[in-house]
Amino acid sequence: MPRVNFAEDIVPLSSFRSDVTRLMTQTRTTHRPVVVTQNGRASTVFLDVNDYQELLDKADLAMELYKGEQDIQAGRVLSSGEVRESVLSSLGI
């Protein structure tokens, strides 16, 4: 997902309300999020649903990799032979 373009993608809430259809098209086309401000401060990020799903999927993958690293560091690992034996045993072979 491309990063925010500070000149185009930061809008005050009043502009967001009046131009939401164009901003929806913009996020879908550019894949950049729109940052909505309220009282001069960032308040909300508006994002295309497909880009949001991709972001969640990447976060899930990163968490699984982190858990795997934790397992390795804690010694919760099996050799390839142990895995093979376990799979064959579960298959009744």
Protein backbone atom coordinates (compact mmCIF):
# COMPACT_ATOMS: atom_id res chain seq x y z
CA MET A 1 0.00 0.00 0.00
CA PRO A 2 1.49 3.37 -0.98
CA ARG A 3 2.16 5.90 1.75
CA VAL A 4 0.06 8.96 2.42
CA ASN A 5 0.65 11.87 0.03
CA PHE A 6 0.65 14.77 2.49
CA ALA A 7 -0.51 17.26 -0.16
CA GLU A 8 -3.53 15.21 -1.26
CA ASP A 9 -4.46 12.70 1.41
CA ILE A 10 -4.94 14.76 4.56
CA VAL A 11 -8.33 16.47 4.74
CA PRO A 12 -10.34 18.20 7.44
CA LEU A 13 -13.58 16.56 8.51
CA SER A 14 -15.70 19.24 6.83
CA SER A 15 -14.01 18.58 3.47
CA PHE A 16 -14.34 14.84 3.97
CA ARG A 17 -18.09 15.17 4.56
CA SER A 18 -18.63 17.27 1.46
CA ASP A 19 -16.35 15.22 -0.81
CA VAL A 20 -16.68 11.65 0.46
CA THR A 21 -17.58 10.13 -2.92
CA ARG A 22 -14.47 11.56 -4.59
CA LEU A 23 -12.31 10.45 -1.66
CA MET A 24 -13.74 6.92 -1.87
CA THR A 25 -12.78 6.80 -5.55
CA GLN A 26 -9.36 8.25 -4.73
CA THR A 27 -8.57 5.59 -2.10
CA ARG A 28 -9.77 2.83 -4.41
CA THR A 29 -7.68 4.16 -7.32
CA THR A 30 -4.46 5.23 -5.58
CA HIS A 31 -4.54 2.65 -2.76
CA ARG A 32 -3.41 5.46 -0.46
CA PRO A 33 -5.28 6.05 2.80
CA VAL A 34 -6.91 9.40 3.51
CA VAL A 35 -6.23 10.93 6.91
CA VAL A 36 -9.19 12.89 8.26
CA THR A 37 -8.42 15.65 10.74
CA GLN A 38 -10.64 17.13 13.40
CA ASN A 39 -9.72 20.35 15.18
CA GLY A 40 -6.38 20.32 13.36
CA ARG A 41 -5.34 16.86 14.56
CA ALA A 42 -5.36 13.49 12.81
CA SER A 43 -8.53 11.67 13.84
CA THR A 44 -9.41 8.88 11.42
CA VAL A 45 -7.84 6.95 8.55
CA PHE A 46 -10.11 6.21 5.59
CA LEU A 47 -8.99 3.20 3.59
CA ASP A 48 -10.22 1.00 0.73
CA VAL A 49 -11.66 -2.26 2.10
CA ASN A 50 -9.38 -4.46 -0.04
CA ASP A 51 -6.32 -2.56 1.16
CA TYR A 52 -7.56 -2.91 4.74
CA GLN A 53 -7.94 -6.68 4.31
CA GLU A 54 -4.43 -6.90 2.87
CA LEU A 55 -3.12 -4.95 5.86
CA LEU A 56 -4.85 -7.35 8.27
CA ASP A 57 -3.50 -10.38 6.39
CA LYS A 58 0.04 -9.01 6.60
CA ALA A 59 -0.36 -8.31 10.32
CA ASP A 60 -1.59 -11.88 10.86
CA LEU A 61 1.40 -13.27 8.96
CA ALA A 62 3.80 -11.10 10.96
CA MET A 63 2.26 -12.39 14.19
CA GLU A 64 2.62 -16.02 13.07
CA LEU A 65 6.29 -15.41 12.19
CA TYR A 66 6.82 -13.78 15.59
CA LYS A 67 5.25 -16.78 17.35
CA GLY A 68 7.47 -19.11 15.34
CA GLU A 69 10.56 -17.17 16.38
CA GLN A 70 9.43 -17.37 20.00
CA ASP A 71 8.98 -21.15 19.67
CA ILE A 72 12.47 -21.51 18.21
CA GLN A 73 14.03 -19.43 20.99
CA ALA A 74 12.15 -21.46 23.63
CA GLY A 75 13.27 -24.74 22.07
CA ARG A 76 9.75 -25.79 21.06
CA VAL A 77 10.90 -27.39 17.81
CA LEU A 78 10.94 -30.82 16.23
CA SER A 79 13.51 -32.32 13.90
CA SER A 80 12.40 -33.27 10.40
CA GLY A 81 12.61 -36.92 11.43
CA GLU A 82 10.31 -36.33 14.39
CA VAL A 83 7.80 -34.54 12.17
CA ARG A 84 7.96 -37.36 9.63
CA GLU A 85 7.36 -39.98 12.31
CA SER A 86 4.44 -38.00 13.72
CA VAL A 87 2.80 -37.59 10.31
CA LEU A 88 3.27 -41.24 9.38
CA SER A 89 1.92 -42.31 12.76
CA SER A 90 -1.15 -40.11 12.42
CA LEU A 91 -1.77 -41.68 9.00
CA GLY A 92 -1.44 -45.15 10.48
CA ILE A 93 1.66 -45.97 8.46
